[in-house]
Protein backbone atom coordinates (compact mmCIF):
# COMPACT_ATOMS: atom_id res chain seq x y z
CA UNK A 1 60.66 37.80 78.68
CA UNK A 2 60.45 35.59 75.46
CA UNK A 3 56.61 35.61 74.20
CA UNK A 4 56.14 32.16 73.15
CA UNK A 5 55.63 32.09 70.06
CA UNK A 6 57.95 35.21 68.82
CA UNK A 7 61.37 33.06 66.92
CA UNK A 8 64.43 32.72 69.23
CA UNK A 9 67.26 35.35 68.73
CA UNK A 10 70.34 35.90 69.77
CA UNK A 11 72.68 39.26 69.45
CA UNK A 12 75.76 39.12 68.05
CA UNK A 13 78.90 41.02 69.18
CA UNK A 14 78.25 43.74 66.49
CA UNK A 15 74.79 43.82 67.99
CA UNK A 16 73.12 42.34 64.90
CA UNK A 17 69.49 40.56 66.00
CA UNK A 18 69.63 36.79 64.45
CA UNK A 19 66.78 34.89 64.62
CA UNK A 20 67.43 31.36 64.65
CA UNK A 21 65.59 27.55 65.52
CA UNK A 22 67.85 24.64 67.60
CA UNK A 23 66.58 21.55 68.19
CA UNK A 24 68.68 19.44 70.39
CA UNK A 25 70.27 15.86 69.78
CA UNK A 26 73.62 13.98 69.19
CA UNK A 27 76.38 15.93 67.80
CA UNK A 28 77.93 16.93 65.36
CA UNK A 29 75.49 19.57 65.07
CA UNK A 30 73.93 20.28 61.36
CA UNK A 31 73.82 23.63 60.72
CA UNK A 32 72.29 24.77 57.82
CA UNK A 33 73.48 28.07 55.88
CA UNK A 34 70.79 29.74 53.37
CA UNK A 35 71.66 31.02 49.93
CA UNK A 36 71.37 34.94 49.50
CA UNK A 37 68.15 36.76 49.71
CA UNK A 38 66.71 33.86 51.21
CA UNK A 39 65.77 32.43 54.52
CA UNK A 40 65.82 29.42 57.26
CA UNK A 41 62.35 28.58 55.97
CA UNK A 42 62.76 27.28 52.95
CA UNK A 43 62.42 23.97 52.03
CA UNK A 44 65.76 22.62 51.63
CA UNK A 45 66.17 23.50 55.40
CA UNK A 46 63.22 22.64 57.28
CA UNK A 47 63.53 19.35 54.98
CA UNK A 48 66.81 19.14 56.95
CA UNK A 49 65.60 20.04 60.14
CA UNK A 50 62.58 17.14 60.28
CA UNK A 51 64.91 14.46 59.17
CA UNK A 52 67.30 15.65 62.34
CA UNK A 53 64.42 15.71 64.75
CA UNK A 54 63.64 11.88 63.07
CA UNK A 55 66.74 10.39 63.55
CA UNK A 56 67.76 12.48 67.17
CA UNK A 57 70.21 14.79 65.48
CA UNK A 58 71.03 18.80 66.84
CA UNK A 59 70.23 20.62 63.94
CA UNK A 60 70.54 24.54 63.62
CA UNK A 61 69.50 26.62 60.99
CA UNK A 62 69.10 30.58 61.11
CA UNK A 63 68.84 34.04 59.07
CA UNK A 64 71.74 36.60 58.39
CA UNK A 65 70.67 39.84 59.21
CA UNK A 66 69.17 42.00 56.61
CA UNK A 67 67.09 37.73 55.99
CA UNK A 68 64.20 36.57 57.50
CA UNK A 69 63.28 37.56 60.77
CA UNK A 70 66.59 39.17 62.04
CA UNK A 71 67.11 42.63 62.19
CA UNK A 72 69.14 45.19 59.80
CA UNK A 73 68.48 45.88 56.16
CA UNK A 74 69.69 43.70 53.39
CA UNK A 75 71.12 46.43 51.34
CA UNK A 76 73.00 47.36 54.22
CA UNK A 77 74.79 43.80 54.72
CA UNK A 78 77.75 41.67 52.65
CA UNK A 79 79.04 38.59 52.58
CA UNK A 80 81.24 39.73 55.69
CA UNK A 81 78.52 40.30 58.45
CA UNK A 82 76.79 37.50 57.01
CA UNK A 83 79.57 35.46 57.91
CA UNK A 84 80.15 37.12 61.51
CA UNK A 85 76.16 36.35 62.07
CA UNK A 86 77.26 32.63 61.12
CA UNK A 87 80.18 32.31 63.45
CA UNK A 88 77.85 33.83 66.19
CA UNK A 89 75.37 31.37 65.66
CA UNK A 90 78.39 28.33 65.58
CA UNK A 91 78.75 29.66 69.01
CA UNK A 92 75.76 28.45 70.07
CA UNK A 93 77.49 25.01 69.93
CA UNK A 94 78.96 22.66 71.74
CA UNK A 95 81.11 20.26 69.81
CA UNK A 96 81.90 20.31 66.30
CA UNK A 97 79.79 20.85 63.44
CA UNK A 98 78.92 19.79 60.28
CA UNK A 99 77.37 22.29 58.09
CA UNK A 100 75.57 22.29 55.14
CA UNK A 101 75.51 25.30 52.69
CA UNK A 102 73.08 26.56 50.04
CA UNK A 103 74.03 28.96 46.96
CA UNK A 104 75.91 31.61 48.90
CA UNK A 105 76.19 29.37 52.53
CA UNK A 106 78.53 27.41 50.63
CA UNK A 107 80.29 30.54 50.26
CA UNK A 108 79.84 31.33 54.03
CA UNK A 109 80.48 27.57 54.90
CA UNK A 110 83.73 27.41 53.52
CA UNK A 111 84.89 31.13 54.98
CA UNK A 112 83.74 29.30 58.40
CA UNK A 113 86.04 25.87 57.65
CA UNK A 114 89.34 28.24 56.98
CA UNK A 115 88.76 30.19 60.05
CA UNK A 116 87.49 27.60 62.65
CA UNK A 117 88.99 24.68 61.05
CA UNK A 118 88.62 22.69 64.42
CA UNK A 119 85.00 23.22 65.25
CA UNK A 120 83.81 22.03 61.34
CA UNK A 121 83.36 18.24 61.59
CA UNK A 122 82.34 18.04 57.55
CA UNK A 123 80.81 20.15 55.02
CA UNK A 124 78.07 19.56 52.37
CA UNK A 125 77.30 22.31 49.75
CA UNK A 126 74.49 22.87 47.68
CA UNK A 127 74.83 23.96 44.10
CA UNK A 128 77.67 26.48 46.10
CA UNK A 129 78.51 29.63 45.01
CA UNK A 130 81.91 31.08 46.29
CA UNK A 131 83.20 34.20 45.25
CA UNK A 132 80.22 34.99 43.19
CA UNK A 133 80.37 38.84 44.21
CA UNK A 134 83.77 39.12 41.85
CA UNK A 135 83.03 36.21 39.13
CA UNK A 136 79.03 35.88 39.20
CA UNK A 137 78.20 39.52 39.03
CA UNK A 138 80.88 42.27 38.62
CA UNK A 139 82.73 39.87 36.49
CA UNK A 140 79.22 39.76 34.24
CA UNK A 141 78.42 43.62 35.03
CA UNK A 142 78.61 46.52 31.68
CA UNK A 143 80.68 48.84 31.98
CA UNK A 144 77.54 50.94 32.49
CA UNK A 145 76.48 48.83 35.21
CA UNK A 146 79.85 49.05 37.11
CA UNK A 147 79.31 52.55 36.56
CA UNK A 148 75.89 52.92 38.15
CA UNK A 149 77.25 50.02 40.88
CA UNK A 150 80.60 52.67 41.48
CA UNK A 151 77.74 55.48 42.27
CA UNK A 152 76.45 53.52 45.13
CA UNK A 153 74.53 50.17 44.01
CA UNK A 154 72.71 48.63 40.66
CA UNK A 155 69.02 47.01 40.12
CA UNK A 156 69.56 42.97 39.31
CA UNK A 157 66.21 41.43 37.73
CA UNK A 158 65.41 38.39 39.72
CA UNK A 159 63.48 35.05 38.58
CA UNK A 160 62.91 34.99 42.32
CA UNK A 161 60.75 37.94 42.66
CA UNK A 162 61.65 42.01 43.29
CA UNK A 163 64.86 42.93 41.63
CA UNK A 164 68.30 42.18 43.78
CA UNK A 165 69.85 45.93 44.40
CA UNK A 166 73.76 45.16 44.46
CA UNK A 167 75.75 47.70 46.66
CA UNK A 168 78.98 48.83 46.06
CA UNK A 169 79.82 47.79 50.08
CA UNK A 170 78.55 44.48 48.67
CA UNK A 171 81.09 44.36 46.01
CA UNK A 172 83.70 45.76 47.52
CA UNK A 173 83.60 44.02 50.85
CA UNK A 174 83.08 40.48 49.32
CA UNK A 175 86.47 41.10 47.37
CA UNK A 176 88.15 40.55 51.65
CA UNK A 177 86.09 37.18 51.41
CA UNK A 178 87.29 35.14 48.70
CA UNK A 179 88.24 31.56 48.89
CA UNK A 180 89.12 30.51 45.27
CA UNK A 181 92.31 32.70 45.14
CA UNK A 182 94.20 31.22 48.35
CA UNK A 183 94.97 27.27 49.21
CA UNK A 184 91.79 26.00 51.03
CA UNK A 185 92.23 23.01 52.84
CA UNK A 186 89.54 21.02 53.41
CA UNK A 187 90.37 17.96 56.09
CA UNK A 188 87.42 16.37 56.64
CA UNK A 189 84.09 14.91 54.66
CA UNK A 190 83.32 17.17 52.17
CA UNK A 191 80.40 16.51 49.30
CA UNK A 192 79.42 18.67 46.69
CA UNK A 193 76.06 18.58 44.51
CA UNK A 194 75.22 20.29 41.89
CA UNK A 195 72.30 20.74 39.44
CA UNK A 196 73.58 20.53 35.70
CA UNK A 197 70.20 23.20 35.02
CA UNK A 198 71.38 25.08 37.78
CA UNK A 199 70.69 28.92 35.99
CA UNK A 200 72.43 30.76 38.62
CA UNK A 201 75.56 28.87 39.42
CA UNK A 202 77.14 27.20 36.72
CA UNK A 203 78.97 23.57 36.71
CA UNK A 204 81.82 25.24 36.29
CA UNK A 205 81.78 26.77 39.34
CA UNK A 206 81.74 23.55 41.19
CA UNK A 207 84.57 22.14 38.89
CA UNK A 208 86.55 24.70 39.86
CA UNK A 209 85.79 24.15 43.35
CA UNK A 210 86.52 20.60 43.07
CA UNK A 211 89.67 21.41 41.93
CA UNK A 212 90.88 24.21 44.19
CA UNK A 213 90.32 22.95 47.25
CA UNK A 214 92.33 20.18 48.95
CA UNK A 215 91.25 17.34 51.06
CA UNK A 216 91.33 13.59 51.94
CA UNK A 217 87.54 13.17 50.76
CA UNK A 218 86.02 15.65 48.51
CA UNK A 219 83.34 14.37 46.51
CA UNK A 220 81.23 16.24 43.96
CA UNK A 221 77.85 14.87 42.15
CA UNK A 222 76.02 16.07 39.93
CA UNK A 223 72.44 16.13 38.97
CA UNK A 224 71.43 15.71 35.69
CA UNK A 225 68.34 18.40 35.09
CA UNK A 226 68.25 19.57 38.97
CA UNK A 227 68.17 23.63 38.55
CA UNK A 228 69.76 25.96 41.85
CA UNK A 229 66.51 25.75 44.00
CA UNK A 230 67.63 21.21 44.40
CA UNK A 231 64.43 21.46 46.58
CA UNK A 232 62.32 17.99 44.33
CA UNK A 233 62.05 14.86 45.72
CA UNK A 234 65.08 13.11 44.50
CA UNK A 235 67.35 16.53 45.38
CA UNK A 236 66.12 16.82 48.72
CA UNK A 237 67.11 12.58 49.40
CA UNK A 238 70.39 13.46 48.15
CA UNK A 239 70.88 16.11 49.89
CA UNK A 240 69.48 13.76 53.66
CA UNK A 241 71.81 11.05 52.19
CA UNK A 242 74.83 13.55 51.65
CA UNK A 243 74.81 14.43 55.42
CA UNK A 244 74.10 10.86 56.48
CA UNK A 245 76.85 9.67 54.77
CA UNK A 246 79.41 12.53 56.22
CA UNK A 247 77.85 11.75 59.62
CA UNK A 248 78.74 8.38 59.53
CA UNK A 249 82.38 9.21 57.95
CA UNK A 250 82.74 11.39 61.38
CA UNK A 251 81.02 8.99 64.21
């Protein structure tokens, strides 16, 4: 029997143990998808969970494999693994969901929307980073970095702490998960949020995503001066309002 203080977890069809927190409430359930090397204990995830508790909405947050409290090593993972983890997490929920994807979670949420459109009632992205392994990393590498990566891995400095170890598998597997090269129908309410002072995801990415995706109700909100974290009080309120807006349109 699970210790009361242990984080709940489930095992994916691929055998990875995924830690999660789920609160019951009315649907569609809101699912938070975190960023690259982030975890479900981040400011945005906790803020949304508290809002969901107050408003009586079902809410799920989880750690991808190699992140937070879930199993596996970060350097063993790739976009497809984390997408599979997200598919399994959503499998815990009956009915439709509203996806809230932050940074890499924005890419994962677009993969989910493409793979299971019948399950998605709405989408909110925060500094979404679709195709970043190809366009942001590989596309920006020097010849020396590319050579180092092809030999196994390359270390990239990070303002968030330890350097990011980028593996050859992350880049090569990511090429099989790109969403900006083929049609991307999003047939539900979509709200893209992006800060103008984001040093990790440029505004052009948000504009390109808005231009590329196809849907009946897509809006992009640019927040002057907001950075990639998008976690100050005004940004948190905007995320909350965006989720409420999408929820109201699905009811």
